Each structure stands twice: as structure tokens, then as C-alpha cells.
Amino acid sequence: MTGVLAALIAPGFFSSQPVQIAATVGAIVALVAGAVGVFTVLRGQSFAGEALGDIGTTGESGAFLIGVGALWGLAAISVAAAAVMELIGIQRPRGRDLATGIVLGASLGLAALFLYLYNVDQSASGATFTILFGSPFALASSTIPLVIAFAALALTLIAVLFRPLLLCSLSPELAAARGIPVRAIGAAYLLALAVTVALAASTIGTILSTALIVGPAATALRLTRSPGKAVIVAAAIGIGAMWLGILLAYDSYNWPPQQHGWPVSFFVVTLILAGYLLAGLAQFRGRRARARSAAGVASLEHRVG
């Protein structure tokens, strides 16, 4: 077993400080993404999550331009965009998509301007790649307390609002009939989603952040029908994909092209996609097995009859 582990894990992996920071932040972010992602899938707001991730490009590029922490820029623009989307949107899905598209278009125009100004001012920089695809290895240890604070905010919102949020997600009409403030619950969820997108974008980039939120949650909902269990399963899938992605990215330093390494985000989203497809295959086989069982019972009843 030791020989197998030595072949899979490059020397210095566990003692590397960037790896330790990446693994810690990645686990925290995946935990939050699992909780928020289940409701994102149930509410059919994956497009909103994708839009907030793309909008994060504006916040992070602005943060690079003025010289502040990237996570602050991501969080600020994501929360602001979520607020604007809520203010100009309406309750119908078509209205929400329209509001999301308007805010997304405007923010991407600003992102283009900020990146242009930054690249003009800096003769050589990998800022654009970092913004779009992320790099948890580049995170500083000073980022961890801020990540924990944002994660605690999102998880607290989900925990406090779990039951009414679940009802609003599954049946807004029934929730309204029971006196639940559907609009306020939706706004609180959107705040949690905005914070989660900012956290995910800080690890695997703005354009791939939705994969960490939606992918594990969609896989978990294929494996279990209980939203509570789905949150746990989604978090476990996300953490597993993040940690294995970090390991593969670390090992890839010796892959072609050598001494460059492959992006963590590539491995994470690939593993999430593989998990989703495997869960779909398991679900399909389960349905076929149940159908055969039901057909067998029907045939036996027919013979007995």
C-alpha cells in the first residue's frame, strides 16, 4: 500500500503549505456549496448562480485594479448584483431570468474595462487567468479567517431558513398560502448564493464556480430524495472532488509540459462531471431493476390468478 501511495502522491504533498491552505479553503467552500447548491437546483436557479459567477469577474478584476483582496471584490460585487437582480426581478422565472441577464451584461462590460485598465498598467500579469480559472494554491493563509466568516454567514442563513426555504423552493404558492414571506425568503437565499459563488470563484475561478455549486448538488439529488441527506452527500462529493483535484494538480507538475502543472479547476469540474454521470447511470440501473421486479410480480400474480 505504501508503494501505491508513493506512486499516486508526489513527494512533499502533505508538508506543502500552499497545499494545506488549498485543502482547508477547498473543504470549507465545498461544504457551503453543498448546502446552498441543493436549494439552487431545487429552485431551478442554476442560471442565477452562473450569472453571479460571471459577474464575479467584475469584482475580482476591480479588486486587482485597486489593489485589494480578491475575495472582498468577489463578495461585494456578487452581493450587490444579487440585490439588484432581486429589486428589478419579479417572482416568475421568466422575470428572474430577464433581470439576471440585464445585470450580467452590464457587469461583463465593466469587467472588460477593468481588465483592460489593469493589463495596460501592468506589463506582465497572470491576473486574467487567475480570475477566470482560479488557483487555490495562490491563496494566502490570511484568507482563511475571511473564508470562514463568509462560509458561516451562508450556512447560518441556510440553517435558519431551511424548512421555509425548502417549502418556498418546492411550492411557492403553498408557502404563500401558509403566510410565509416568499419574497423575503428568496432574497435571503440569493444573499447566501452570492456569498457562496464568491467563495467558489476564489478557488476554481469565476467562470467555473457554478460547477462546484450545482454539480455535487445535482448528483446528490440523483442519489437521495431527502433534501437534508442531499446536503450532506453534496458536501461530501464537493470535498472529495476538491481534494482529489488538488492532489492531481500537484502531481501534474511533472506531467507535460513539465514544471507548469495543470489547473486545479480542470480536475475539479471533470471529477464533478464524472460523478454526475455515474450517479445517472446508477439511477438508470435502479429504475430498470425496479421495473423488472414490478414486471416479475405482475407476471406471478397473473399466473396465480
C-alpha atoms as a PDB file:
ATOM      1  CA  MET A   1       0.000   0.000   0.000  1.00  0.00           C
ATOM      2  CA  THR A   2       2.860   2.368   0.793  1.00  0.00           C
ATOM      3  CA  GLY A   3       4.291   1.838  -2.674  1.00  0.00           C
ATOM      4  CA  VAL A   4       0.916   2.564  -4.272  1.00  0.00           C
ATOM      5  CA  LEU A   5       0.508   5.785  -2.275  1.00  0.00           C
ATOM      6  CA  ALA A   6       4.035   6.855  -3.182  1.00  0.00           C
ATOM      7  CA  ALA A   7       3.171   6.392  -6.853  1.00  0.00           C
ATOM      8  CA  LEU A   8      -0.026   8.440  -6.507  1.00  0.00           C
ATOM      9  CA  ILE A   9       1.217  11.224  -4.232  1.00  0.00           C
ATOM     10  CA  ALA A  10       4.237  13.282  -5.253  1.00  0.00           C
ATOM     11  CA  PRO A  11       6.870  13.964  -2.567  1.00  0.00           C
ATOM     12  CA  GLY A  12       6.208  16.943  -0.321  1.00  0.00           C
ATOM     13  CA  PHE A  13       2.446  16.967  -0.880  1.00  0.00           C
ATOM     14  CA  PHE A  14       1.361  16.837   2.766  1.00  0.00           C
ATOM     15  CA  SER A  15       4.114  19.163   4.003  1.00  0.00           C
ATOM     16  CA  SER A  16       3.450  21.860   1.402  1.00  0.00           C
ATOM     17  CA  GLN A  17       1.893  24.982   2.934  1.00  0.00           C
ATOM     18  CA  PRO A  18       0.081  26.017  -0.303  1.00  0.00           C
ATOM     19  CA  VAL A  19      -1.455  22.529  -0.421  1.00  0.00           C
ATOM     20  CA  GLN A  20      -2.564  22.757   3.205  1.00  0.00           C
ATOM     21  CA  ILE A  21      -4.169  26.150   2.621  1.00  0.00           C
ATOM     22  CA  ALA A  22      -5.803  24.978  -0.608  1.00  0.00           C
ATOM     23  CA  ALA A  23      -7.185  21.835   1.046  1.00  0.00           C
ATOM     24  CA  THR A  24      -8.538  23.781   4.029  1.00  0.00           C
ATOM     25  CA  VAL A  25     -10.203  26.504   1.981  1.00  0.00           C
ATOM     26  CA  GLY A  26     -11.420  23.985  -0.586  1.00  0.00           C
ATOM     27  CA  ALA A  27     -13.143  21.861   2.052  1.00  0.00           C
ATOM     28  CA  ILE A  28     -14.854  24.889   3.612  1.00  0.00           C
ATOM     29  CA  VAL A  29     -16.050  26.162   0.249  1.00  0.00           C
ATOM     30  CA  ALA A  30     -17.270  22.717  -0.860  1.00  0.00           C
ATOM     31  CA  LEU A  31     -19.236  22.345   2.386  1.00  0.00           C
ATOM     32  CA  VAL A  32     -21.034  25.643   1.826  1.00  0.00           C
ATOM     33  CA  ALA A  33     -21.549  24.915  -1.867  1.00  0.00           C
ATOM     34  CA  GLY A  34     -23.205  21.606  -0.990  1.00  0.00           C
ATOM     35  CA  ALA A  35     -25.739  23.252   1.319  1.00  0.00           C
ATOM     36  CA  VAL A  36     -26.583  26.166  -0.954  1.00  0.00           C
ATOM     37  CA  GLY A  37     -26.332  24.130  -4.149  1.00  0.00           C
ATOM     38  CA  VAL A  38     -29.158  21.765  -3.198  1.00  0.00           C
ATOM     39  CA  PHE A  39     -31.564  24.694  -2.973  1.00  0.00           C
ATOM     40  CA  THR A  40     -30.143  26.203  -6.165  1.00  0.00           C
ATOM     41  CA  VAL A  41     -31.077  23.017  -8.020  1.00  0.00           C
ATOM     42  CA  LEU A  42     -34.462  22.669  -6.302  1.00  0.00           C
ATOM     43  CA  ARG A  43     -35.341  26.283  -7.094  1.00  0.00           C
ATOM     44  CA  GLY A  44     -34.175  25.997 -10.700  1.00  0.00           C
ATOM     45  CA  GLN A  45     -31.814  28.949 -10.300  1.00  0.00           C
ATOM     46  CA  SER A  46     -28.661  27.476 -11.784  1.00  0.00           C
ATOM     47  CA  PHE A  47     -28.628  30.313 -14.309  1.00  0.00           C
ATOM     48  CA  ALA A  48     -28.610  32.841 -11.475  1.00  0.00           C
ATOM     49  CA  GLY A  49     -25.623  31.036  -9.950  1.00  0.00           C
ATOM     50  CA  GLU A  50     -23.821  31.006 -13.295  1.00  0.00           C
ATOM     51  CA  ALA A  51     -24.562  34.691 -13.788  1.00  0.00           C
ATOM     52  CA  LEU A  52     -23.285  35.624 -10.333  1.00  0.00           C
ATOM     53  CA  GLY A  53     -20.102  33.670 -11.051  1.00  0.00           C
ATOM     54  CA  ASP A  54     -19.577  35.553 -14.308  1.00  0.00           C
ATOM     55  CA  ILE A  55     -20.422  38.818 -12.574  1.00  0.00           C
ATOM     56  CA  GLY A  56     -17.705  37.989 -10.059  1.00  0.00           C
ATOM     57  CA  THR A  57     -15.238  38.676 -12.867  1.00  0.00           C
ATOM     58  CA  THR A  58     -16.089  42.349 -12.449  1.00  0.00           C
ATOM     59  CA  GLY A  59     -15.487  42.322  -8.707  1.00  0.00           C
ATOM     60  CA  GLU A  60     -12.227  40.406  -8.858  1.00  0.00           C
ATOM     61  CA  SER A  61     -10.828  42.427 -11.760  1.00  0.00           C
ATOM     62  CA  GLY A  62     -11.785  45.609  -9.909  1.00  0.00           C
ATOM     63  CA  ALA A  63     -10.038  44.296  -6.800  1.00  0.00           C
ATOM     64  CA  PHE A  64      -6.874  43.642  -8.823  1.00  0.00           C
ATOM     65  CA  LEU A  65      -7.105  47.123 -10.308  1.00  0.00           C
ATOM     66  CA  ILE A  66      -7.321  48.977  -6.973  1.00  0.00           C
ATOM     67  CA  GLY A  67      -5.106  46.558  -5.052  1.00  0.00           C
ATOM     68  CA  VAL A  68      -7.496  44.986  -2.511  1.00  0.00           C
ATOM     69  CA  GLY A  69      -8.158  41.346  -1.649  1.00  0.00           C
ATOM     70  CA  ALA A  70      -9.824  39.406  -4.460  1.00  0.00           C
ATOM     71  CA  LEU A  71     -12.359  37.757  -2.136  1.00  0.00           C
ATOM     72  CA  TRP A  72     -13.572  41.167  -0.956  1.00  0.00           C
ATOM     73  CA  GLY A  73     -14.149  42.214  -4.551  1.00  0.00           C
ATOM     74  CA  LEU A  74     -15.926  38.967  -5.367  1.00  0.00           C
ATOM     75  CA  ALA A  75     -18.201  39.159  -2.340  1.00  0.00           C
ATOM     76  CA  ALA A  76     -19.017  42.844  -2.792  1.00  0.00           C
ATOM     77  CA  ILE A  77     -19.995  42.584  -6.457  1.00  0.00           C
ATOM     78  CA  SER A  78     -21.869  39.301  -6.002  1.00  0.00           C
ATOM     79  CA  VAL A  79     -23.990  40.639  -3.124  1.00  0.00           C
ATOM     80  CA  ALA A  80     -24.617  43.915  -4.953  1.00  0.00           C
ATOM     81  CA  ALA A  81     -25.609  42.080  -8.144  1.00  0.00           C
ATOM     82  CA  ALA A  82     -27.912  39.757  -6.202  1.00  0.00           C
ATOM     83  CA  ALA A  83     -29.594  42.772  -4.612  1.00  0.00           C
ATOM     84  CA  VAL A  84     -30.131  44.449  -7.981  1.00  0.00           C
ATOM     85  CA  MET A  85     -31.436  41.205  -9.501  1.00  0.00           C
ATOM     86  CA  GLU A  86     -33.921  40.908  -6.642  1.00  0.00           C
ATOM     87  CA  LEU A  87     -35.025  44.545  -6.922  1.00  0.00           C
ATOM     88  CA  ILE A  88     -35.687  44.554 -10.673  1.00  0.00           C
ATOM     89  CA  GLY A  89     -36.815  40.946 -10.947  1.00  0.00           C
ATOM     90  CA  ILE A  90     -40.258  39.509 -10.335  1.00  0.00           C
ATOM     91  CA  GLN A  91     -41.413  36.219  -8.904  1.00  0.00           C
ATOM     92  CA  ARG A  92     -41.997  34.441 -12.198  1.00  0.00           C
ATOM     93  CA  PRO A  93     -38.957  32.532 -13.539  1.00  0.00           C
ATOM     94  CA  ARG A  94     -39.057  34.476 -16.810  1.00  0.00           C
ATOM     95  CA  GLY A  95     -38.796  37.757 -14.926  1.00  0.00           C
ATOM     96  CA  ARG A  96     -35.904  36.471 -12.806  1.00  0.00           C
ATOM     97  CA  ASP A  97     -34.022  35.362 -15.906  1.00  0.00           C
ATOM     98  CA  LEU A  98     -34.594  38.743 -17.542  1.00  0.00           C
ATOM     99  CA  ALA A  99     -33.254  40.599 -14.503  1.00  0.00           C
ATOM    100  CA  THR A 100     -30.280  38.248 -14.315  1.00  0.00           C
ATOM    101  CA  GLY A 101     -29.437  38.767 -17.981  1.00  0.00           C
ATOM    102  CA  ILE A 102     -29.574  42.550 -17.678  1.00  0.00           C
ATOM    103  CA  VAL A 103     -27.250  42.652 -14.657  1.00  0.00           C
ATOM    104  CA  LEU A 104     -24.911  40.073 -16.222  1.00  0.00           C
ATOM    105  CA  GLY A 105     -24.488  42.038 -19.432  1.00  0.00           C
ATOM    106  CA  ALA A 106     -23.741  45.285 -17.632  1.00  0.00           C
ATOM    107  CA  SER A 107     -21.234  43.702 -15.264  1.00  0.00           C
ATOM    108  CA  LEU A 108     -19.294  41.910 -18.000  1.00  0.00           C
ATOM    109  CA  GLY A 109     -18.851  45.245 -19.758  1.00  0.00           C
ATOM    110  CA  LEU A 110     -17.296  46.654 -16.583  1.00  0.00           C
ATOM    111  CA  ALA A 111     -15.115  43.546 -16.214  1.00  0.00           C
ATOM    112  CA  ALA A 112     -13.729  44.072 -19.711  1.00  0.00           C
ATOM    113  CA  LEU A 113     -12.886  47.675 -18.825  1.00  0.00           C
ATOM    114  CA  PHE A 114     -11.230  46.773 -15.514  1.00  0.00           C
ATOM    115  CA  LEU A 115      -9.118  44.024 -17.067  1.00  0.00           C
ATOM    116  CA  TYR A 116      -8.083  46.319 -19.890  1.00  0.00           C
ATOM    117  CA  LEU A 117      -7.009  49.067 -17.490  1.00  0.00           C
ATOM    118  CA  TYR A 118      -5.150  46.569 -15.299  1.00  0.00           C
ATOM    119  CA  ASN A 119      -3.289  44.993 -18.221  1.00  0.00           C
ATOM    120  CA  VAL A 120      -2.370  48.426 -19.561  1.00  0.00           C
ATOM    121  CA  ASP A 121      -0.941  49.390 -16.178  1.00  0.00           C
ATOM    122  CA  GLN A 122       0.860  46.065 -15.613  1.00  0.00           C
ATOM    123  CA  SER A 123       3.399  44.991 -18.220  1.00  0.00           C
ATOM    124  CA  ALA A 124       3.021  41.267 -17.441  1.00  0.00           C
ATOM    125  CA  SER A 125       0.473  39.579 -15.261  1.00  0.00           C
ATOM    126  CA  GLY A 126      -1.461  36.330 -14.934  1.00  0.00           C
ATOM    127  CA  ALA A 127      -4.426  38.134 -13.401  1.00  0.00           C
ATOM    128  CA  THR A 128      -6.839  37.256 -16.204  1.00  0.00           C
ATOM    129  CA  PHE A 129      -6.141  33.524 -15.931  1.00  0.00           C
ATOM    130  CA  THR A 130      -6.391  33.651 -12.122  1.00  0.00           C
ATOM    131  CA  ILE A 131      -9.722  35.482 -12.265  1.00  0.00           C
ATOM    132  CA  LEU A 132     -11.300  33.174 -14.824  1.00  0.00           C
ATOM    133  CA  PHE A 133      -9.956  29.798 -13.678  1.00  0.00           C
ATOM    134  CA  GLY A 134      -8.732  30.370 -10.114  1.00  0.00           C
ATOM    135  CA  SER A 135      -5.874  28.774  -8.223  1.00  0.00           C
ATOM    136  CA  PRO A 136      -6.321  27.625  -4.617  1.00  0.00           C
ATOM    137  CA  PHE A 137      -2.532  27.216  -4.421  1.00  0.00           C
ATOM    138  CA  ALA A 138      -2.235  31.001  -4.719  1.00  0.00           C
ATOM    139  CA  LEU A 139      -4.395  31.698  -1.653  1.00  0.00           C
ATOM    140  CA  ALA A 140      -2.672  33.214   1.378  1.00  0.00           C
ATOM    141  CA  SER A 141      -3.190  31.878   4.904  1.00  0.00           C
ATOM    142  CA  SER A 142      -4.607  35.281   5.862  1.00  0.00           C
ATOM    143  CA  THR A 143      -7.579  34.485   3.593  1.00  0.00           C
ATOM    144  CA  ILE A 144      -8.773  31.587   5.766  1.00  0.00           C
ATOM    145  CA  PRO A 145     -10.474  33.692   8.533  1.00  0.00           C
ATOM    146  CA  LEU A 146     -12.380  35.663   5.882  1.00  0.00           C
ATOM    147  CA  VAL A 147     -13.405  32.442   4.119  1.00  0.00           C
ATOM    148  CA  ILE A 148     -14.651  31.028   7.433  1.00  0.00           C
ATOM    149  CA  ALA A 149     -16.626  34.216   8.158  1.00  0.00           C
ATOM    150  CA  PHE A 150     -18.351  34.218   4.755  1.00  0.00           C
ATOM    151  CA  ALA A 151     -18.984  30.471   4.996  1.00  0.00           C
ATOM    152  CA  ALA A 152     -20.539  30.878   8.436  1.00  0.00           C
ATOM    153  CA  LEU A 153     -22.851  33.596   7.089  1.00  0.00           C
ATOM    154  CA  ALA A 154     -24.104  31.444   4.206  1.00  0.00           C
ATOM    155  CA  LEU A 155     -24.508  28.308   6.337  1.00  0.00           C
ATOM    156  CA  THR A 156     -26.336  30.226   9.073  1.00  0.00           C
ATOM    157  CA  LEU A 157     -28.818  31.595   6.554  1.00  0.00           C
ATOM    158  CA  ILE A 158     -29.482  28.132   5.147  1.00  0.00           C
ATOM    159  CA  ALA A 159     -29.778  26.527   8.601  1.00  0.00           C
ATOM    160  CA  VAL A 160     -32.148  29.163   9.983  1.00  0.00           C
ATOM    161  CA  LEU A 161     -34.345  29.217   6.878  1.00  0.00           C
ATOM    162  CA  PHE A 162     -34.103  25.521   5.985  1.00  0.00           C
ATOM    163  CA  ARG A 163     -37.768  24.486   6.354  1.00  0.00           C
ATOM    164  CA  PRO A 164     -39.456  27.631   4.959  1.00  0.00           C
ATOM    165  CA  LEU A 165     -36.853  27.834   2.197  1.00  0.00           C
ATOM    166  CA  LEU A 166     -37.500  24.211   1.274  1.00  0.00           C
ATOM    167  CA  LEU A 167     -41.257  24.826   1.064  1.00  0.00           C
ATOM    168  CA  CYS A 168     -40.733  28.023  -0.957  1.00  0.00           C
ATOM    169  CA  SER A 169     -38.443  26.107  -3.312  1.00  0.00           C
ATOM    170  CA  LEU A 170     -40.851  23.220  -3.880  1.00  0.00           C
ATOM    171  CA  SER A 171     -44.179  25.096  -3.820  1.00  0.00           C
ATOM    172  CA  PRO A 172     -44.112  28.910  -3.618  1.00  0.00           C
ATOM    173  CA  GLU A 173     -47.905  29.061  -3.864  1.00  0.00           C
ATOM    174  CA  LEU A 174     -48.402  26.769  -0.868  1.00  0.00           C
ATOM    175  CA  ALA A 175     -45.771  28.680   1.104  1.00  0.00           C
ATOM    176  CA  ALA A 176     -47.541  31.977   0.378  1.00  0.00           C
ATOM    177  CA  ALA A 177     -50.874  30.446   1.395  1.00  0.00           C
ATOM    178  CA  ARG A 178     -49.340  29.494   4.742  1.00  0.00           C
ATOM    179  CA  GLY A 179     -48.213  33.054   5.346  1.00  0.00           C
ATOM    180  CA  ILE A 180     -44.505  32.542   4.637  1.00  0.00           C
ATOM    181  CA  PRO A 181     -42.836  35.694   3.227  1.00  0.00           C
ATOM    182  CA  VAL A 182     -41.741  34.111  -0.047  1.00  0.00           C
ATOM    183  CA  ARG A 183     -40.056  37.246  -1.406  1.00  0.00           C
ATOM    184  CA  ALA A 184     -38.014  37.812   1.777  1.00  0.00           C
ATOM    185  CA  ILE A 185     -37.003  34.138   1.926  1.00  0.00           C
ATOM    186  CA  GLY A 186     -35.934  34.319  -1.714  1.00  0.00           C
ATOM    187  CA  ALA A 187     -33.855  37.425  -1.057  1.00  0.00           C
ATOM    188  CA  ALA A 188     -32.094  35.755   1.898  1.00  0.00           C
ATOM    189  CA  TYR A 189     -31.361  32.698  -0.235  1.00  0.00           C
ATOM    190  CA  LEU A 190     -29.982  34.914  -3.002  1.00  0.00           C
ATOM    191  CA  LEU A 191     -27.645  36.515  -0.446  1.00  0.00           C
ATOM    192  CA  ALA A 192     -26.399  33.070   0.600  1.00  0.00           C
ATOM    193  CA  LEU A 193     -25.942  32.129  -3.068  1.00  0.00           C
ATOM    194  CA  ALA A 194     -23.990  35.328  -3.785  1.00  0.00           C
ATOM    195  CA  VAL A 195     -21.604  34.675  -0.889  1.00  0.00           C
ATOM    196  CA  THR A 196     -21.185  31.042  -1.933  1.00  0.00           C
ATOM    197  CA  VAL A 197     -20.435  31.993  -5.533  1.00  0.00           C
ATOM    198  CA  ALA A 198     -17.778  34.421  -4.300  1.00  0.00           C
ATOM    199  CA  LEU A 199     -16.173  31.668  -2.230  1.00  0.00           C
ATOM    200  CA  ALA A 200     -16.276  29.166  -5.095  1.00  0.00           C
ATOM    201  CA  ALA A 201     -14.873  31.721  -7.556  1.00  0.00           C
ATOM    202  CA  SER A 202     -11.923  32.367  -5.247  1.00  0.00           C
ATOM    203  CA  THR A 203     -10.891  28.713  -5.540  1.00  0.00           C
ATOM    204  CA  ILE A 204     -11.748  27.494  -9.054  1.00  0.00           C
ATOM    205  CA  GLY A 205     -12.382  30.771 -10.883  1.00  0.00           C
ATOM    206  CA  THR A 206     -15.370  32.877 -11.825  1.00  0.00           C
ATOM    207  CA  ILE A 207     -16.478  31.020 -14.955  1.00  0.00           C
ATOM    208  CA  LEU A 208     -16.312  27.576 -13.311  1.00  0.00           C
ATOM    209  CA  SER A 209     -17.659  28.425  -9.849  1.00  0.00           C
ATOM    210  CA  THR A 210     -21.175  27.225 -10.676  1.00  0.00           C
ATOM    211  CA  ALA A 211     -19.879  23.711 -11.318  1.00  0.00           C
ATOM    212  CA  LEU A 212     -18.909  23.377  -7.656  1.00  0.00           C
ATOM    213  CA  ILE A 213     -22.325  24.643  -6.544  1.00  0.00           C
ATOM    214  CA  VAL A 214     -24.656  22.873  -8.959  1.00  0.00           C
ATOM    215  CA  GLY A 215     -22.747  19.697  -9.880  1.00  0.00           C
ATOM    216  CA  PRO A 216     -22.419  17.971  -6.477  1.00  0.00           C
ATOM    217  CA  ALA A 217     -25.950  19.049  -5.524  1.00  0.00           C
ATOM    218  CA  ALA A 218     -27.465  17.657  -8.728  1.00  0.00           C
ATOM    219  CA  THR A 219     -25.539  14.413  -8.199  1.00  0.00           C
ATOM    220  CA  ALA A 220     -26.700  14.167  -4.580  1.00  0.00           C
ATOM    221  CA  LEU A 221     -30.344  14.698  -5.574  1.00  0.00           C
ATOM    222  CA  ARG A 222     -29.971  11.809  -8.010  1.00  0.00           C
ATOM    223  CA  LEU A 223     -28.749   9.573  -5.208  1.00  0.00           C
ATOM    224  CA  THR A 224     -31.250  10.547  -2.493  1.00  0.00           C
ATOM    225  CA  ARG A 225     -34.690  12.126  -2.374  1.00  0.00           C
ATOM    226  CA  SER A 226     -34.206  13.690   1.039  1.00  0.00           C
ATOM    227  CA  PRO A 227     -33.033  17.335   0.827  1.00  0.00           C
ATOM    228  CA  GLY A 228     -31.312  17.019   4.210  1.00  0.00           C
ATOM    229  CA  LYS A 229     -29.359  13.966   3.144  1.00  0.00           C
ATOM    230  CA  ALA A 230     -28.683  15.570  -0.224  1.00  0.00           C
ATOM    231  CA  VAL A 231     -26.926  18.473   1.510  1.00  0.00           C
ATOM    232  CA  ILE A 232     -24.594  16.046   3.294  1.00  0.00           C
ATOM    233  CA  VAL A 233     -23.945  13.968   0.170  1.00  0.00           C
ATOM    234  CA  ALA A 234     -23.345  17.078  -1.954  1.00  0.00           C
ATOM    235  CA  ALA A 235     -20.846  18.436   0.575  1.00  0.00           C
ATOM    236  CA  ALA A 236     -19.016  15.087   0.656  1.00  0.00           C
ATOM    237  CA  ILE A 237     -18.872  14.938  -3.153  1.00  0.00           C
ATOM    238  CA  GLY A 238     -17.618  18.513  -3.363  1.00  0.00           C
ATOM    239  CA  ILE A 239     -14.925  17.989  -0.746  1.00  0.00           C
ATOM    240  CA  GLY A 240     -13.806  14.754  -2.401  1.00  0.00           C
ATOM    241  CA  ALA A 241     -13.613  16.403  -5.834  1.00  0.00           C
ATOM    242  CA  MET A 242     -11.744  19.391  -4.418  1.00  0.00           C
ATOM    243  CA  TRP A 243      -9.175  17.335  -2.509  1.00  0.00           C
ATOM    244  CA  LEU A 244      -8.590  14.879  -5.345  1.00  0.00           C
ATOM    245  CA  GLY A 245      -8.358  17.783  -7.787  1.00  0.00           C
ATOM    246  CA  ILE A 246      -5.709  19.429  -5.610  1.00  0.00           C
ATOM    247  CA  LEU A 247      -3.751  16.159  -5.468  1.00  0.00           C
ATOM    248  CA  LEU A 248      -3.890  15.653  -9.244  1.00  0.00           C
ATOM    249  CA  ALA A 249      -2.915  19.272  -9.895  1.00  0.00           C
ATOM    250  CA  TYR A 250       0.052  18.888  -7.545  1.00  0.00           C
ATOM    251  CA  ASP A 251       1.112  15.667  -9.268  1.00  0.00           C
ATOM    252  CA  SER A 252       0.697  17.257 -12.720  1.00  0.00           C
ATOM    253  CA  TYR A 253       3.737  19.455 -12.089  1.00  0.00           C
ATOM    254  CA  ASN A 254       5.779  16.582 -13.512  1.00  0.00           C
ATOM    255  CA  TRP A 255       3.399  15.971 -16.424  1.00  0.00           C
ATOM    256  CA  PRO A 256       3.873  17.534 -19.878  1.00  0.00           C
ATOM    257  CA  PRO A 257       4.514  20.422 -20.101  1.00  0.00           C
ATOM    258  CA  GLN A 258       6.816  19.808 -17.148  1.00  0.00           C
ATOM    259  CA  GLN A 259       7.226  22.316 -14.324  1.00  0.00           C
ATOM    260  CA  HIS A 260       3.989  24.068 -15.206  1.00  0.00           C
ATOM    261  CA  GLY A 261       1.198  21.926 -13.782  1.00  0.00           C
ATOM    262  CA  TRP A 262      -2.444  21.684 -14.796  1.00  0.00           C
ATOM    263  CA  PRO A 263      -5.194  23.877 -13.269  1.00  0.00           C
ATOM    264  CA  VAL A 264      -6.956  22.584 -10.175  1.00  0.00           C
ATOM    265  CA  SER A 265     -10.241  23.806 -11.642  1.00  0.00           C
ATOM    266  CA  PHE A 266      -9.909  21.437 -14.618  1.00  0.00           C
ATOM    267  CA  PHE A 267      -9.621  18.386 -12.365  1.00  0.00           C
ATOM    268  CA  VAL A 268     -12.389  19.531 -10.008  1.00  0.00           C
ATOM    269  CA  VAL A 269     -15.009  20.117 -12.707  1.00  0.00           C
ATOM    270  CA  THR A 270     -14.006  16.921 -14.544  1.00  0.00           C
ATOM    271  CA  LEU A 271     -14.417  14.850 -11.378  1.00  0.00           C
ATOM    272  CA  ILE A 272     -17.767  16.506 -10.640  1.00  0.00           C
ATOM    273  CA  LEU A 273     -18.994  15.743 -14.162  1.00  0.00           C
ATOM    274  CA  ALA A 274     -17.836  12.126 -13.862  1.00  0.00           C
ATOM    275  CA  GLY A 275     -19.668  11.781 -10.543  1.00  0.00           C
ATOM    276  CA  TYR A 276     -22.862  13.202 -12.030  1.00  0.00           C
ATOM    277  CA  LEU A 277     -22.740  10.806 -14.985  1.00  0.00           C
ATOM    278  CA  LEU A 278     -22.047   7.811 -12.735  1.00  0.00           C
ATOM    279  CA  ALA A 279     -24.951   8.792 -10.474  1.00  0.00           C
ATOM    280  CA  GLY A 280     -27.174   8.988 -13.539  1.00  0.00           C
ATOM    281  CA  LEU A 281     -26.061   5.523 -14.608  1.00  0.00           C
ATOM    282  CA  ALA A 282     -26.769   4.138 -11.134  1.00  0.00           C
ATOM    283  CA  GLN A 283     -30.176   5.823 -11.168  1.00  0.00           C
ATOM    284  CA  PHE A 284     -30.967   4.337 -14.583  1.00  0.00           C
ATOM    285  CA  ARG A 285     -29.961   0.837 -13.468  1.00  0.00           C
ATOM    286  CA  GLY A 286     -32.038   1.204 -10.326  1.00  0.00           C
ATOM    287  CA  ARG A 287     -35.100   2.132 -12.361  1.00  0.00           C
ATOM    288  CA  ARG A 288     -34.589  -0.825 -14.684  1.00  0.00           C
ATOM    289  CA  ALA A 289     -34.206  -3.174 -11.725  1.00  0.00           C
ATOM    290  CA  ARG A 290     -37.407  -1.845 -10.144  1.00  0.00           C
ATOM    291  CA  ALA A 291     -39.231  -2.144 -13.460  1.00  0.00           C
ATOM    292  CA  ARG A 292     -38.101  -5.761 -13.847  1.00  0.00           C
ATOM    293  CA  SER A 293     -39.141  -6.516 -10.287  1.00  0.00           C
ATOM    294  CA  ALA A 294     -42.568  -4.978 -10.826  1.00  0.00           C
ATOM    295  CA  ALA A 295     -42.960  -6.886 -14.093  1.00  0.00           C
ATOM    296  CA  GLY A 296     -41.999 -10.125 -12.345  1.00  0.00           C
ATOM    297  CA  VAL A 297     -44.529  -9.569  -9.580  1.00  0.00           C
ATOM    298  CA  ALA A 298     -47.248  -8.746 -12.114  1.00  0.00           C
ATOM    299  CA  SER A 299     -46.411 -11.895 -14.098  1.00  0.00           C
ATOM    300  CA  LEU A 300     -46.528 -14.046 -10.955  1.00  0.00           C
ATOM    301  CA  GLU A 301     -49.874 -12.569  -9.916  1.00  0.00           C
ATOM    302  CA  HIS A 302     -51.217 -13.223 -13.402  1.00  0.00           C
ATOM    303  CA  ARG A 303     -50.145 -16.893 -13.259  1.00  0.00           C
ATOM    304  CA  VAL A 304     -51.587 -17.369  -9.788  1.00  0.00           C
ATOM    305  CA  GLY A 305     -54.788 -15.695 -10.846  1.00  0.00           C
END
